[in-house]
Amino acid sequence: MRGPENTPEPGPWRLVHVVRRKLPNRRLRWIATGVLGVLALAFVIVWTTPLFAVERIEVTGTSVLTPDEVAALGRDAVGGSVLGADLDAIANAVAALAPVKSVEVTRAWPDAVSVAVTEREAYMAVPVDEETFLMVDSEGVVFDETASAPGSIWRVELADPGPDDLATIETLIVLQALPRALADEVEHVASPSPASVTLYLEDGRTLRWGDGSESEQKAEVADRLLAGGYEHVDVSAPDAPTVS
């Protein structure tokens, strides 16, 4: 037979062990509660105190646009909490401006919102009249209007420039595929239609390129024919070029 089980009374050493085992958990709970309380208090302070209210919109990266034009789109955030500023709304409003290629909006603690703008760069100048040129970037986006055309960009005659205009699209393809030596000879470009891109060279000769297809073959044929001294060269059909 099994004898009676021994169930000794808990001695002082066991009580101390139990107390010591429970103390860390209780202490952690108090610490966690304290941390949460501090965080909640900090959140309330940041959200409500004037110390963290938006006082200004800081704008960088503008050239075509003015800082004031961009800052005006964030005016709804001024006076409110920096933490509560709707950065996405500001970014979307700024990105809708034609000269803006990209934008980054961040909180600038303790009292500002920062708007960093990257503007589009002019790739083509399209004349509207003798005193007005439209600035068009390498994606075909019209983003500015000026009284003169920088000499470092292409001057292109287009009826309706834009990223969805086929003549604009084909012109960009042609210009971006031109060999450097030939590109340096171009004085201006005319694109009355998507398939009629024509290069006017500085020496008065013309080179009808056509559309943006077969650019490598067209360049080889054009180089050979121009070297022959022809005034007008048409390589729109590179397998059957014409000259005059």
C-alpha atoms as a PDB file:
ATOM      1  CA  MET A   1       0.000   0.000   0.000  1.00  0.00           C
ATOM      2  CA  ARG A   2       1.028   3.479  -0.723  1.00  0.00           C
ATOM      3  CA  GLY A   3       1.453   5.537   2.347  1.00  0.00           C
ATOM      4  CA  PRO A   4      -0.126   8.942   2.901  1.00  0.00           C
ATOM      5  CA  GLU A   5       1.260  11.665   0.678  1.00  0.00           C
ATOM      6  CA  ASN A   6       3.492  14.130   2.341  1.00  0.00           C
ATOM      7  CA  THR A   7       2.108  17.671   1.883  1.00  0.00           C
ATOM      8  CA  PRO A   8       4.357  19.844   3.899  1.00  0.00           C
ATOM      9  CA  GLU A   9       3.109  23.245   4.914  1.00  0.00           C
ATOM     10  CA  PRO A  10       4.623  26.015   2.820  1.00  0.00           C
ATOM     11  CA  GLY A  11       7.549  27.390   4.635  1.00  0.00           C
ATOM     12  CA  PRO A  12       8.793  30.984   4.650  1.00  0.00           C
ATOM     13  CA  TRP A  13      11.274  30.216   1.845  1.00  0.00           C
ATOM     14  CA  ARG A  14       8.432  29.177  -0.514  1.00  0.00           C
ATOM     15  CA  LEU A  15       6.384  32.306   0.198  1.00  0.00           C
ATOM     16  CA  VAL A  16       9.367  34.479  -0.563  1.00  0.00           C
ATOM     17  CA  HIS A  17       9.920  32.602  -3.844  1.00  0.00           C
ATOM     18  CA  VAL A  18       6.292  33.132  -4.903  1.00  0.00           C
ATOM     19  CA  VAL A  19       6.407  36.830  -4.064  1.00  0.00           C
ATOM     20  CA  ARG A  20       9.647  37.279  -5.954  1.00  0.00           C
ATOM     21  CA  ARG A  21       8.218  35.500  -8.986  1.00  0.00           C
ATOM     22  CA  LYS A  22       5.149  37.766  -9.120  1.00  0.00           C
ATOM     23  CA  LEU A  23       6.869  41.068  -8.509  1.00  0.00           C
ATOM     24  CA  PRO A  24       8.499  41.430 -11.994  1.00  0.00           C
ATOM     25  CA  ASN A  25       5.185  40.917 -13.826  1.00  0.00           C
ATOM     26  CA  ARG A  26       3.490  43.505 -11.671  1.00  0.00           C
ATOM     27  CA  ARG A  27       6.394  45.871 -12.145  1.00  0.00           C
ATOM     28  CA  LEU A  28       6.257  45.415 -15.932  1.00  0.00           C
ATOM     29  CA  ARG A  29       2.559  46.186 -15.943  1.00  0.00           C
ATOM     30  CA  TRP A  30       3.165  49.406 -14.069  1.00  0.00           C
ATOM     31  CA  ILE A  31       5.991  50.374 -16.432  1.00  0.00           C
ATOM     32  CA  ALA A  32       3.877  49.605 -19.514  1.00  0.00           C
ATOM     33  CA  THR A  33       0.995  51.630 -18.098  1.00  0.00           C
ATOM     34  CA  GLY A  34       3.329  54.527 -17.401  1.00  0.00           C
ATOM     35  CA  VAL A  35       4.812  54.447 -20.911  1.00  0.00           C
ATOM     36  CA  LEU A  36       1.367  54.391 -22.514  1.00  0.00           C
ATOM     37  CA  GLY A  37       0.329  57.301 -20.358  1.00  0.00           C
ATOM     38  CA  VAL A  38       3.364  59.327 -21.383  1.00  0.00           C
ATOM     39  CA  LEU A  39       2.754  58.554 -25.056  1.00  0.00           C
ATOM     40  CA  ALA A  40      -0.900  59.532 -24.783  1.00  0.00           C
ATOM     41  CA  LEU A  41       0.048  62.786 -23.073  1.00  0.00           C
ATOM     42  CA  ALA A  42       2.679  63.510 -25.748  1.00  0.00           C
ATOM     43  CA  PHE A  43       0.125  62.847 -28.488  1.00  0.00           C
ATOM     44  CA  VAL A  44      -2.362  65.263 -26.917  1.00  0.00           C
ATOM     45  CA  ILE A  45       0.328  67.915 -26.496  1.00  0.00           C
ATOM     46  CA  VAL A  46       1.545  67.592 -30.107  1.00  0.00           C
ATOM     47  CA  TRP A  47      -2.018  67.620 -31.454  1.00  0.00           C
ATOM     48  CA  THR A  48      -3.393  70.521 -29.434  1.00  0.00           C
ATOM     49  CA  THR A  49      -0.628  72.844 -28.292  1.00  0.00           C
ATOM     50  CA  PRO A  50       0.167  75.940 -30.403  1.00  0.00           C
ATOM     51  CA  LEU A  51       3.831  75.003 -30.059  1.00  0.00           C
ATOM     52  CA  PHE A  52       3.285  72.312 -32.728  1.00  0.00           C
ATOM     53  CA  ALA A  53       0.888  74.217 -34.996  1.00  0.00           C
ATOM     54  CA  VAL A  54       1.811  74.733 -38.660  1.00  0.00           C
ATOM     55  CA  GLU A  55       3.085  78.275 -39.076  1.00  0.00           C
ATOM     56  CA  ARG A  56       4.491  78.061 -42.607  1.00  0.00           C
ATOM     57  CA  ILE A  57       4.823  75.938 -45.735  1.00  0.00           C
ATOM     58  CA  GLU A  58       8.472  75.553 -46.729  1.00  0.00           C
ATOM     59  CA  VAL A  59       8.946  75.175 -50.512  1.00  0.00           C
ATOM     60  CA  THR A  60      12.129  74.124 -52.331  1.00  0.00           C
ATOM     61  CA  GLY A  61      13.014  73.223 -55.916  1.00  0.00           C
ATOM     62  CA  THR A  62      10.917  75.765 -57.823  1.00  0.00           C
ATOM     63  CA  SER A  63      12.072  77.753 -60.833  1.00  0.00           C
ATOM     64  CA  VAL A  64       9.151  77.965 -63.243  1.00  0.00           C
ATOM     65  CA  LEU A  65       6.744  78.163 -60.320  1.00  0.00           C
ATOM     66  CA  THR A  66       7.165  80.572 -57.408  1.00  0.00           C
ATOM     67  CA  PRO A  67       7.337  79.317 -53.812  1.00  0.00           C
ATOM     68  CA  ASP A  68       4.200  81.323 -53.037  1.00  0.00           C
ATOM     69  CA  GLU A  69       2.216  79.514 -55.758  1.00  0.00           C
ATOM     70  CA  VAL A  70       3.100  76.163 -54.242  1.00  0.00           C
ATOM     71  CA  ALA A  71       2.710  77.256 -50.615  1.00  0.00           C
ATOM     72  CA  ALA A  72      -0.797  78.521 -51.343  1.00  0.00           C
ATOM     73  CA  LEU A  73      -1.897  74.940 -51.980  1.00  0.00           C
ATOM     74  CA  GLY A  74      -1.056  74.045 -48.391  1.00  0.00           C
ATOM     75  CA  ARG A  75      -2.772  76.992 -46.759  1.00  0.00           C
ATOM     76  CA  ASP A  76      -5.488  74.779 -45.233  1.00  0.00           C
ATOM     77  CA  ALA A  77      -2.828  73.160 -43.055  1.00  0.00           C
ATOM     78  CA  VAL A  78      -1.620  76.463 -41.567  1.00  0.00           C
ATOM     79  CA  GLY A  79      -2.829  76.936 -38.015  1.00  0.00           C
ATOM     80  CA  GLY A  80      -3.583  73.254 -37.501  1.00  0.00           C
ATOM     81  CA  SER A  81      -1.435  70.605 -35.869  1.00  0.00           C
ATOM     82  CA  VAL A  82       1.713  69.525 -37.691  1.00  0.00           C
ATOM     83  CA  LEU A  83       0.765  65.954 -36.850  1.00  0.00           C
ATOM     84  CA  GLY A  84      -2.705  66.405 -38.342  1.00  0.00           C
ATOM     85  CA  ALA A  85      -1.607  68.028 -41.609  1.00  0.00           C
ATOM     86  CA  ASP A  86      -2.959  66.142 -44.633  1.00  0.00           C
ATOM     87  CA  LEU A  87       0.293  65.586 -46.515  1.00  0.00           C
ATOM     88  CA  ASP A  88      -1.319  63.511 -49.269  1.00  0.00           C
ATOM     89  CA  ALA A  89      -3.823  66.245 -50.078  1.00  0.00           C
ATOM     90  CA  ILE A  90      -1.043  68.829 -50.366  1.00  0.00           C
ATOM     91  CA  ALA A  91       1.090  66.507 -52.507  1.00  0.00           C
ATOM     92  CA  ASN A  92      -1.805  65.761 -54.862  1.00  0.00           C
ATOM     93  CA  ALA A  93      -2.611  69.452 -55.278  1.00  0.00           C
ATOM     94  CA  VAL A  94       1.005  70.356 -56.041  1.00  0.00           C
ATOM     95  CA  ALA A  95       1.480  67.389 -58.396  1.00  0.00           C
ATOM     96  CA  ALA A  96      -1.463  68.651 -60.474  1.00  0.00           C
ATOM     97  CA  LEU A  97       0.527  71.758 -61.453  1.00  0.00           C
ATOM     98  CA  ALA A  98       1.853  71.357 -65.013  1.00  0.00           C
ATOM     99  CA  PRO A  99       5.499  72.271 -64.235  1.00  0.00           C
ATOM    100  CA  VAL A 100       5.724  69.663 -61.453  1.00  0.00           C
ATOM    101  CA  LYS A 101       7.331  66.342 -62.373  1.00  0.00           C
ATOM    102  CA  SER A 102       7.338  64.998 -58.807  1.00  0.00           C
ATOM    103  CA  VAL A 103       6.820  66.261 -55.262  1.00  0.00           C
ATOM    104  CA  GLU A 104       7.588  65.102 -51.729  1.00  0.00           C
ATOM    105  CA  VAL A 105       5.704  66.532 -48.755  1.00  0.00           C
ATOM    106  CA  THR A 106       6.914  65.953 -45.189  1.00  0.00           C
ATOM    107  CA  ARG A 107       6.418  67.334 -41.678  1.00  0.00           C
ATOM    108  CA  ALA A 108       9.147  69.785 -40.636  1.00  0.00           C
ATOM    109  CA  TRP A 109       8.988  69.771 -36.852  1.00  0.00           C
ATOM    110  CA  PRO A 110       8.036  71.644 -34.858  1.00  0.00           C
ATOM    111  CA  ASP A 111       5.967  74.126 -36.867  1.00  0.00           C
ATOM    112  CA  ALA A 112       6.140  73.645 -40.649  1.00  0.00           C
ATOM    113  CA  VAL A 113       5.297  71.442 -43.609  1.00  0.00           C
ATOM    114  CA  SER A 114       8.048  70.928 -46.183  1.00  0.00           C
ATOM    115  CA  VAL A 115       7.249  70.677 -49.914  1.00  0.00           C
ATOM    116  CA  ALA A 116      10.162  69.562 -52.118  1.00  0.00           C
ATOM    117  CA  VAL A 117       9.350  70.037 -55.810  1.00  0.00           C
ATOM    118  CA  THR A 118      11.111  68.590 -58.845  1.00  0.00           C
ATOM    119  CA  GLU A 119      10.101  70.571 -61.921  1.00  0.00           C
ATOM    120  CA  ARG A 120       9.973  69.412 -65.522  1.00  0.00           C
ATOM    121  CA  GLU A 121      12.893  70.321 -67.770  1.00  0.00           C
ATOM    122  CA  ALA A 122      12.363  71.870 -71.191  1.00  0.00           C
ATOM    123  CA  TYR A 123      13.255  69.554 -74.080  1.00  0.00           C
ATOM    124  CA  MET A 124      11.464  71.293 -76.957  1.00  0.00           C
ATOM    125  CA  ALA A 125      10.362  74.865 -77.613  1.00  0.00           C
ATOM    126  CA  VAL A 126       7.246  75.095 -79.760  1.00  0.00           C
ATOM    127  CA  PRO A 127       6.603  78.536 -81.303  1.00  0.00           C
ATOM    128  CA  VAL A 128       3.087  79.906 -80.972  1.00  0.00           C
ATOM    129  CA  ASP A 129       3.964  83.216 -82.618  1.00  0.00           C
ATOM    130  CA  GLU A 130       7.079  85.357 -82.961  1.00  0.00           C
ATOM    131  CA  GLU A 131       7.069  86.257 -79.271  1.00  0.00           C
ATOM    132  CA  THR A 132       5.711  83.158 -77.559  1.00  0.00           C
ATOM    133  CA  PHE A 133       7.088  79.667 -77.110  1.00  0.00           C
ATOM    134  CA  LEU A 134       5.614  76.665 -75.323  1.00  0.00           C
ATOM    135  CA  MET A 135       8.059  74.676 -73.192  1.00  0.00           C
ATOM    136  CA  VAL A 136       7.616  70.921 -73.648  1.00  0.00           C
ATOM    137  CA  ASP A 137       9.467  68.263 -71.643  1.00  0.00           C
ATOM    138  CA  SER A 138      10.841  64.916 -72.863  1.00  0.00           C
ATOM    139  CA  GLU A 139       7.473  63.267 -72.132  1.00  0.00           C
ATOM    140  CA  GLY A 140       5.588  65.704 -74.328  1.00  0.00           C
ATOM    141  CA  VAL A 141       4.043  67.672 -71.454  1.00  0.00           C
ATOM    142  CA  VAL A 142       3.518  71.394 -72.080  1.00  0.00           C
ATOM    143  CA  PHE A 143       4.372  73.082 -68.785  1.00  0.00           C
ATOM    144  CA  ASP A 144       5.320  76.703 -69.423  1.00  0.00           C
ATOM    145  CA  GLU A 145       5.101  79.627 -71.835  1.00  0.00           C
ATOM    146  CA  THR A 146       8.005  82.009 -72.442  1.00  0.00           C
ATOM    147  CA  ALA A 147       8.960  84.936 -74.661  1.00  0.00           C
ATOM    148  CA  SER A 148      12.149  83.280 -75.915  1.00  0.00           C
ATOM    149  CA  ALA A 149      13.479  79.792 -76.539  1.00  0.00           C
ATOM    150  CA  PRO A 150      16.704  78.617 -74.879  1.00  0.00           C
ATOM    151  CA  GLY A 151      19.315  77.762 -77.476  1.00  0.00           C
ATOM    152  CA  SER A 152      20.114  74.474 -75.735  1.00  0.00           C
ATOM    153  CA  ILE A 153      16.791  72.789 -76.559  1.00  0.00           C
ATOM    154  CA  TRP A 154      15.074  71.663 -79.746  1.00  0.00           C
ATOM    155  CA  ARG A 155      12.924  74.180 -81.615  1.00  0.00           C
ATOM    156  CA  VAL A 156       9.995  72.237 -83.071  1.00  0.00           C
ATOM    157  CA  GLU A 157       6.929  73.315 -85.029  1.00  0.00           C
ATOM    158  CA  LEU A 158       3.895  71.351 -83.809  1.00  0.00           C
ATOM    159  CA  ALA A 159       0.215  72.128 -84.299  1.00  0.00           C
ATOM    160  CA  ASP A 160      -0.996  70.753 -80.972  1.00  0.00           C
ATOM    161  CA  PRO A 161       1.853  69.649 -78.686  1.00  0.00           C
ATOM    162  CA  GLY A 162       1.016  67.321 -75.822  1.00  0.00           C
ATOM    163  CA  PRO A 163       1.687  63.845 -74.420  1.00  0.00           C
ATOM    164  CA  ASP A 164      -1.305  62.391 -76.312  1.00  0.00           C
ATOM    165  CA  ASP A 165      -0.563  64.094 -79.640  1.00  0.00           C
ATOM    166  CA  LEU A 166       0.815  61.562 -82.135  1.00  0.00           C
ATOM    167  CA  ALA A 167       2.974  64.138 -83.934  1.00  0.00           C
ATOM    168  CA  THR A 168       4.540  65.084 -80.593  1.00  0.00           C
ATOM    169  CA  ILE A 169       5.146  61.447 -79.703  1.00  0.00           C
ATOM    170  CA  GLU A 170       6.805  60.604 -83.034  1.00  0.00           C
ATOM    171  CA  THR A 171       8.914  63.761 -82.912  1.00  0.00           C
ATOM    172  CA  LEU A 172      10.253  62.824 -79.498  1.00  0.00           C
ATOM    173  CA  ILE A 173      11.111  59.333 -80.714  1.00  0.00           C
ATOM    174  CA  VAL A 174      12.984  60.776 -83.692  1.00  0.00           C
ATOM    175  CA  LEU A 175      14.922  63.378 -81.721  1.00  0.00           C
ATOM    176  CA  GLN A 176      15.927  60.953 -78.994  1.00  0.00           C
ATOM    177  CA  ALA A 177      17.238  58.486 -81.594  1.00  0.00           C
ATOM    178  CA  LEU A 178      19.296  60.925 -83.701  1.00  0.00           C
ATOM    179  CA  PRO A 179      23.051  60.278 -83.813  1.00  0.00           C
ATOM    180  CA  ARG A 180      24.958  63.018 -82.010  1.00  0.00           C
ATOM    181  CA  ALA A 181      26.760  64.234 -85.125  1.00  0.00           C
ATOM    182  CA  LEU A 182      23.511  64.678 -87.031  1.00  0.00           C
ATOM    183  CA  ALA A 183      21.701  66.200 -84.074  1.00  0.00           C
ATOM    184  CA  ASP A 184      24.362  68.899 -83.834  1.00  0.00           C
ATOM    185  CA  GLU A 185      23.535  70.003 -87.395  1.00  0.00           C
ATOM    186  CA  VAL A 186      19.780  70.481 -86.814  1.00  0.00           C
ATOM    187  CA  GLU A 187      18.595  74.086 -86.692  1.00  0.00           C
ATOM    188  CA  HIS A 188      14.900  73.365 -86.175  1.00  0.00           C
ATOM    189  CA  VAL A 189      12.267  70.673 -86.727  1.00  0.00           C
ATOM    190  CA  ALA A 190       8.796  70.689 -88.291  1.00  0.00           C
ATOM    191  CA  SER A 191       6.245  67.946 -87.664  1.00  0.00           C
ATOM    192  CA  PRO A 192       3.014  68.688 -89.563  1.00  0.00           C
ATOM    193  CA  SER A 193       1.929  65.073 -89.021  1.00  0.00           C
ATOM    194  CA  PRO A 194       3.176  61.973 -87.149  1.00  0.00           C
ATOM    195  CA  ALA A 195       4.726  60.562 -90.333  1.00  0.00           C
ATOM    196  CA  SER A 196       6.267  63.794 -91.612  1.00  0.00           C
ATOM    197  CA  VAL A 197       8.953  64.764 -89.104  1.00  0.00           C
ATOM    198  CA  THR A 198      11.398  66.944 -91.044  1.00  0.00           C
ATOM    199  CA  LEU A 199      14.795  68.173 -89.891  1.00  0.00           C
ATOM    200  CA  TYR A 200      16.052  71.538 -91.122  1.00  0.00           C
ATOM    201  CA  LEU A 201      19.831  71.640 -91.003  1.00  0.00           C
ATOM    202  CA  GLU A 202      21.963  74.687 -90.235  1.00  0.00           C
ATOM    203  CA  ASP A 203      23.400  74.773 -93.780  1.00  0.00           C
ATOM    204  CA  GLY A 204      19.909  75.102 -95.301  1.00  0.00           C
ATOM    205  CA  ARG A 205      19.429  71.485 -96.323  1.00  0.00           C
ATOM    206  CA  THR A 206      16.393  69.436 -95.288  1.00  0.00           C
ATOM    207  CA  LEU A 207      16.077  65.854 -94.133  1.00  0.00           C
ATOM    208  CA  ARG A 208      12.611  64.298 -94.149  1.00  0.00           C
ATOM    209  CA  TRP A 209      12.720  61.576 -91.520  1.00  0.00           C
ATOM    210  CA  GLY A 210       9.102  60.460 -91.472  1.00  0.00           C
ATOM    211  CA  ASP A 211       7.979  58.759 -88.256  1.00  0.00           C
ATOM    212  CA  GLY A 212      10.070  57.322 -85.429  1.00  0.00           C
ATOM    213  CA  SER A 213      10.465  53.829 -86.861  1.00  0.00           C
ATOM    214  CA  GLU A 214      13.686  52.303 -88.272  1.00  0.00           C
ATOM    215  CA  SER A 215      15.760  55.146 -86.872  1.00  0.00           C
ATOM    216  CA  GLU A 216      19.079  53.311 -87.028  1.00  0.00           C
ATOM    217  CA  GLN A 217      18.673  52.442 -90.712  1.00  0.00           C
ATOM    218  CA  LYS A 218      17.424  55.952 -91.526  1.00  0.00           C
ATOM    219  CA  ALA A 219      20.460  57.471 -89.833  1.00  0.00           C
ATOM    220  CA  GLU A 220      22.855  55.329 -91.887  1.00  0.00           C
ATOM    221  CA  VAL A 221      21.118  56.187 -95.167  1.00  0.00           C
ATOM    222  CA  ALA A 222      20.855  59.895 -94.300  1.00  0.00           C
ATOM    223  CA  ASP A 223      24.533  60.088 -93.399  1.00  0.00           C
ATOM    224  CA  ARG A 224      25.522  58.599 -96.754  1.00  0.00           C
ATOM    225  CA  LEU A 225      23.212  60.806 -98.815  1.00  0.00           C
ATOM    226  CA  LEU A 226      24.032  64.030 -96.990  1.00  0.00           C
ATOM    227  CA  ALA A 227      27.704  63.297 -97.521  1.00  0.00           C
ATOM    228  CA  GLY A 228      26.902  63.184-101.238  1.00  0.00           C
ATOM    229  CA  GLY A 229      25.953  66.868-101.127  1.00  0.00           C
ATOM    230  CA  TYR A 230      22.213  66.564-101.809  1.00  0.00           C
ATOM    231  CA  GLU A 231      20.061  69.522-100.747  1.00  0.00           C
ATOM    232  CA  HIS A 232      16.901  67.626 -99.888  1.00  0.00           C
ATOM    233  CA  VAL A 233      16.967  64.076 -98.575  1.00  0.00           C
ATOM    234  CA  ASP A 234      13.960  61.905 -97.758  1.00  0.00           C
ATOM    235  CA  VAL A 235      14.613  58.749 -95.724  1.00  0.00           C
ATOM    236  CA  SER A 236      11.054  58.217 -94.513  1.00  0.00           C
ATOM    237  CA  ALA A 237      11.237  54.943 -96.466  1.00  0.00           C
ATOM    238  CA  PRO A 238      14.889  54.012 -95.870  1.00  0.00           C
ATOM    239  CA  ASP A 239      14.818  51.162 -98.383  1.00  0.00           C
ATOM    240  CA  ALA A 240      13.782  53.615-101.105  1.00  0.00           C
ATOM    241  CA  PRO A 241      15.140  57.072-100.200  1.00  0.00           C
ATOM    242  CA  THR A 242      14.748  60.054-102.509  1.00  0.00           C
ATOM    243  CA  VAL A 243      16.957  63.082-103.054  1.00  0.00           C
ATOM    244  CA  SER A 244      16.948  66.323-104.960  1.00  0.00           C
END
